[in-house]
């Protein structure tokens, strides 16, 4: 949950894929995100989503912890293509 009362804290997106059946350990880290697990397809989709989300965030000139819940939800939906 994003706490707008404390702008000095860092925020991070954390994604977990639970559909891995091939035994590969997939971990991807980046600016304000950490993704673990999932099938190749799921992990790739999670990665694309957080990259798009971060691009939108950069265009707004904001940090993750500065977003309201509504902004976060709307940006994530856009990044997911929904």
N, C-alpha and C. Protein backbone atom coordinates (compact mmCIF):
# COMPACT_ATOMS: atom_id res chain seq x y z
N UNK A 1 0.85 -1.17 0.00
CA UNK A 1 0.00 0.00 0.00
C UNK A 1 0.89 1.24 0.00
N UNK A 2 0.49 2.23 -0.71
CA UNK A 2 1.27 3.46 -0.82
C UNK A 2 0.81 4.42 0.27
N UNK A 3 1.77 4.93 1.03
CA UNK A 3 1.47 5.86 2.11
C UNK A 3 1.92 7.24 1.69
N UNK A 4 0.98 8.11 1.33
CA UNK A 4 1.32 9.46 0.88
C UNK A 4 1.74 10.37 2.01
N UNK A 5 1.63 9.93 3.26
CA UNK A 5 2.01 10.77 4.39
C UNK A 5 3.51 10.80 4.62
N UNK A 6 4.23 9.86 4.07
CA UNK A 6 5.67 9.80 4.29
C UNK A 6 6.39 9.72 2.95
N UNK A 7 6.68 10.87 2.36
CA UNK A 7 7.29 10.93 1.03
C UNK A 7 8.75 10.50 1.03
N UNK A 8 9.37 10.39 2.21
CA UNK A 8 10.78 10.01 2.27
C UNK A 8 10.99 8.50 2.17
N UNK A 9 9.97 7.73 2.34
CA UNK A 9 10.10 6.28 2.23
C UNK A 9 10.13 5.87 0.77
N UNK A 10 10.82 4.79 0.51
CA UNK A 10 10.86 4.26 -0.84
C UNK A 10 9.73 3.26 -1.02
N UNK A 11 9.28 3.12 -2.24
CA UNK A 11 8.24 2.16 -2.57
C UNK A 11 8.79 1.22 -3.63
N UNK A 12 8.25 0.02 -3.69
CA UNK A 12 8.72 -0.95 -4.65
C UNK A 12 7.55 -1.79 -5.14
N UNK A 13 7.57 -2.11 -6.43
CA UNK A 13 6.62 -3.05 -7.00
C UNK A 13 7.22 -4.44 -6.85
N UNK A 14 6.42 -5.38 -6.38
CA UNK A 14 6.89 -6.75 -6.20
C UNK A 14 5.92 -7.67 -6.91
N UNK A 15 6.42 -8.43 -7.89
CA UNK A 15 5.58 -9.34 -8.65
C UNK A 15 6.03 -10.77 -8.45
N UNK A 16 5.06 -11.68 -8.29
CA UNK A 16 5.34 -13.10 -8.13
C UNK A 16 4.50 -13.89 -9.12
N UNK A 17 5.16 -14.68 -9.93
CA UNK A 17 4.47 -15.57 -10.85
C UNK A 17 4.44 -16.97 -10.25
N UNK A 18 3.29 -17.59 -10.26
CA UNK A 18 3.12 -18.89 -9.60
C UNK A 18 2.88 -20.04 -10.57
N UNK A 19 3.03 -19.80 -11.86
CA UNK A 19 2.69 -20.84 -12.84
C UNK A 19 3.91 -21.52 -13.46
N UNK A 20 5.05 -21.48 -12.81
CA UNK A 20 6.27 -22.08 -13.35
C UNK A 20 6.24 -23.60 -13.22
N UNK A 21 6.43 -24.28 -14.33
CA UNK A 21 6.47 -25.74 -14.32
C UNK A 21 7.77 -26.29 -14.91
N UNK A 22 8.64 -25.38 -15.41
CA UNK A 22 9.86 -25.85 -16.08
C UNK A 22 11.09 -25.88 -15.19
N UNK A 23 10.97 -25.44 -13.94
CA UNK A 23 12.08 -25.50 -13.00
C UNK A 23 13.05 -24.35 -13.07
N UNK A 24 12.90 -23.45 -14.04
CA UNK A 24 13.78 -22.28 -14.12
C UNK A 24 13.46 -21.30 -13.01
N UNK A 25 14.49 -20.67 -12.48
CA UNK A 25 14.33 -19.64 -11.47
C UNK A 25 14.47 -18.29 -12.17
N UNK A 26 13.38 -17.58 -12.28
CA UNK A 26 13.38 -16.29 -12.98
C UNK A 26 13.28 -15.16 -11.97
N UNK A 27 14.25 -14.26 -12.02
CA UNK A 27 14.27 -13.09 -11.15
C UNK A 27 14.70 -11.90 -12.00
N UNK A 28 13.94 -10.84 -11.92
CA UNK A 28 14.27 -9.61 -12.63
C UNK A 28 14.14 -8.45 -11.66
N UNK A 29 15.20 -7.63 -11.59
CA UNK A 29 15.21 -6.47 -10.71
C UNK A 29 15.41 -5.22 -11.56
N UNK A 30 14.84 -4.13 -11.11
CA UNK A 30 15.02 -2.87 -11.81
C UNK A 30 14.67 -1.72 -10.90
N UNK A 31 14.62 -0.53 -11.50
CA UNK A 31 14.25 0.64 -10.73
C UNK A 31 12.88 0.43 -10.12
N UNK A 32 12.81 0.40 -8.84
CA UNK A 32 11.61 0.26 -8.02
C UNK A 32 10.79 -1.00 -8.27
N UNK A 33 11.40 -2.08 -8.81
CA UNK A 33 10.64 -3.32 -8.94
C UNK A 33 11.52 -4.55 -8.75
N UNK A 34 10.86 -5.63 -8.33
CA UNK A 34 11.49 -6.94 -8.16
C UNK A 34 10.46 -7.98 -8.58
N UNK A 35 10.82 -8.81 -9.55
CA UNK A 35 9.91 -9.84 -10.06
C UNK A 35 10.53 -11.20 -9.86
N UNK A 36 9.72 -12.16 -9.43
CA UNK A 36 10.23 -13.51 -9.17
C UNK A 36 9.23 -14.54 -9.68
N UNK A 37 9.77 -15.60 -10.25
CA UNK A 37 8.97 -16.75 -10.62
C UNK A 37 8.17 -16.58 -11.89
N UNK A 38 7.28 -17.52 -12.07
CA UNK A 38 6.42 -17.53 -13.24
C UNK A 38 7.00 -18.31 -14.39
N UNK A 39 6.13 -18.69 -15.30
CA UNK A 39 6.58 -19.31 -16.54
C UNK A 39 7.30 -18.25 -17.36
N UNK A 40 7.94 -18.66 -18.42
CA UNK A 40 8.64 -17.69 -19.28
C UNK A 40 7.65 -16.62 -19.77
N UNK A 41 6.48 -17.04 -20.19
CA UNK A 41 5.47 -16.10 -20.68
C UNK A 41 5.00 -15.14 -19.58
N UNK A 42 4.70 -15.67 -18.42
CA UNK A 42 4.22 -14.84 -17.31
C UNK A 42 5.29 -13.85 -16.87
N UNK A 43 6.52 -14.32 -16.74
CA UNK A 43 7.60 -13.45 -16.29
C UNK A 43 7.84 -12.33 -17.31
N UNK A 44 7.79 -12.68 -18.56
CA UNK A 44 7.97 -11.68 -19.62
C UNK A 44 6.85 -10.64 -19.56
N UNK A 45 5.62 -11.08 -19.35
CA UNK A 45 4.48 -10.16 -19.26
C UNK A 45 4.62 -9.23 -18.05
N UNK A 46 5.04 -9.79 -16.90
CA UNK A 46 5.26 -8.96 -15.71
C UNK A 46 6.34 -7.92 -15.98
N UNK A 47 7.43 -8.34 -16.63
CA UNK A 47 8.54 -7.44 -16.92
C UNK A 47 8.09 -6.31 -17.84
N UNK A 48 7.38 -6.64 -18.90
CA UNK A 48 6.88 -5.62 -19.83
C UNK A 48 5.97 -4.63 -19.11
N UNK A 49 5.14 -5.14 -18.21
CA UNK A 49 4.21 -4.28 -17.49
C UNK A 49 4.94 -3.29 -16.60
N UNK A 50 5.93 -3.75 -15.83
CA UNK A 50 6.62 -2.81 -14.93
C UNK A 50 7.48 -1.83 -15.71
N UNK A 51 8.02 -2.24 -16.85
CA UNK A 51 8.79 -1.31 -17.67
C UNK A 51 7.87 -0.22 -18.21
N UNK A 52 6.72 -0.60 -18.73
CA UNK A 52 5.75 0.40 -19.21
C UNK A 52 5.30 1.31 -18.08
N UNK A 53 5.06 0.72 -16.91
CA UNK A 53 4.65 1.49 -15.75
C UNK A 53 5.73 2.52 -15.40
N UNK A 54 6.98 2.09 -15.36
CA UNK A 54 8.08 3.01 -15.03
C UNK A 54 8.23 4.11 -16.08
N UNK A 55 7.98 3.80 -17.34
CA UNK A 55 8.03 4.82 -18.39
C UNK A 55 6.95 5.87 -18.15
N UNK A 56 5.75 5.43 -17.80
CA UNK A 56 4.65 6.35 -17.50
C UNK A 56 4.99 7.21 -16.28
N UNK A 57 5.58 6.58 -15.29
CA UNK A 57 5.97 7.28 -14.07
C UNK A 57 7.00 8.37 -14.40
N UNK A 58 7.98 8.04 -15.21
CA UNK A 58 9.02 8.99 -15.60
C UNK A 58 8.42 10.16 -16.38
N UNK A 59 7.48 9.86 -17.28
CA UNK A 59 6.84 10.94 -18.05
C UNK A 59 6.08 11.90 -17.14
N UNK A 60 5.54 11.38 -16.04
CA UNK A 60 4.84 12.23 -15.08
C UNK A 60 5.82 12.98 -14.18
N UNK A 61 7.08 12.56 -14.18
CA UNK A 61 8.08 13.19 -13.33
C UNK A 61 7.87 12.90 -11.86
N UNK A 62 7.34 11.71 -11.57
CA UNK A 62 7.04 11.35 -10.18
C UNK A 62 7.81 10.10 -9.77
N UNK A 63 7.85 9.88 -8.46
CA UNK A 63 8.38 8.65 -7.89
C UNK A 63 7.19 7.80 -7.46
N UNK A 64 7.40 6.51 -7.40
CA UNK A 64 6.32 5.58 -7.05
C UNK A 64 5.62 5.98 -5.76
N UNK A 65 6.38 6.35 -4.75
CA UNK A 65 5.79 6.67 -3.45
C UNK A 65 4.97 7.96 -3.47
N UNK A 66 5.06 8.73 -4.55
CA UNK A 66 4.30 9.98 -4.65
C UNK A 66 2.90 9.79 -5.25
N UNK A 67 2.63 8.62 -5.78
CA UNK A 67 1.35 8.39 -6.44
C UNK A 67 0.22 8.18 -5.43
N UNK A 68 -0.93 8.69 -5.77
CA UNK A 68 -2.12 8.36 -4.99
C UNK A 68 -2.55 6.95 -5.38
N UNK A 69 -3.40 6.36 -4.62
CA UNK A 69 -3.91 5.02 -4.96
C UNK A 69 -4.56 5.02 -6.33
N UNK A 70 -5.33 6.08 -6.60
CA UNK A 70 -6.04 6.17 -7.87
C UNK A 70 -5.06 6.29 -9.04
N UNK A 71 -4.03 7.14 -8.88
CA UNK A 71 -3.02 7.27 -9.93
C UNK A 71 -2.31 5.94 -10.17
N UNK A 72 -1.94 5.26 -9.08
CA UNK A 72 -1.27 3.97 -9.18
C UNK A 72 -2.14 2.98 -9.95
N UNK A 73 -3.39 2.87 -9.54
CA UNK A 73 -4.32 1.92 -10.17
C UNK A 73 -4.48 2.23 -11.66
N UNK A 74 -4.70 3.49 -11.98
CA UNK A 74 -4.91 3.87 -13.37
C UNK A 74 -3.66 3.61 -14.22
N UNK A 75 -2.50 3.96 -13.69
CA UNK A 75 -1.26 3.74 -14.43
C UNK A 75 -0.97 2.26 -14.62
N UNK A 76 -1.25 1.46 -13.61
CA UNK A 76 -1.01 0.02 -13.72
C UNK A 76 -1.94 -0.59 -14.76
N UNK A 77 -3.19 -0.19 -14.75
CA UNK A 77 -4.15 -0.70 -15.75
C UNK A 77 -3.70 -0.34 -17.16
N UNK A 78 -3.23 0.90 -17.34
CA UNK A 78 -2.73 1.31 -18.65
C UNK A 78 -1.51 0.47 -19.05
N UNK A 79 -0.60 0.27 -18.11
CA UNK A 79 0.61 -0.52 -18.39
C UNK A 79 0.27 -1.96 -18.74
N UNK A 80 -0.77 -2.49 -18.11
CA UNK A 80 -1.21 -3.86 -18.40
C UNK A 80 -1.97 -3.96 -19.70
N UNK A 81 -2.37 -2.80 -20.25
CA UNK A 81 -3.14 -2.81 -21.48
C UNK A 81 -4.61 -3.08 -21.26
N UNK A 82 -5.12 -2.76 -20.07
CA UNK A 82 -6.53 -3.01 -19.75
C UNK A 82 -7.32 -1.73 -19.80
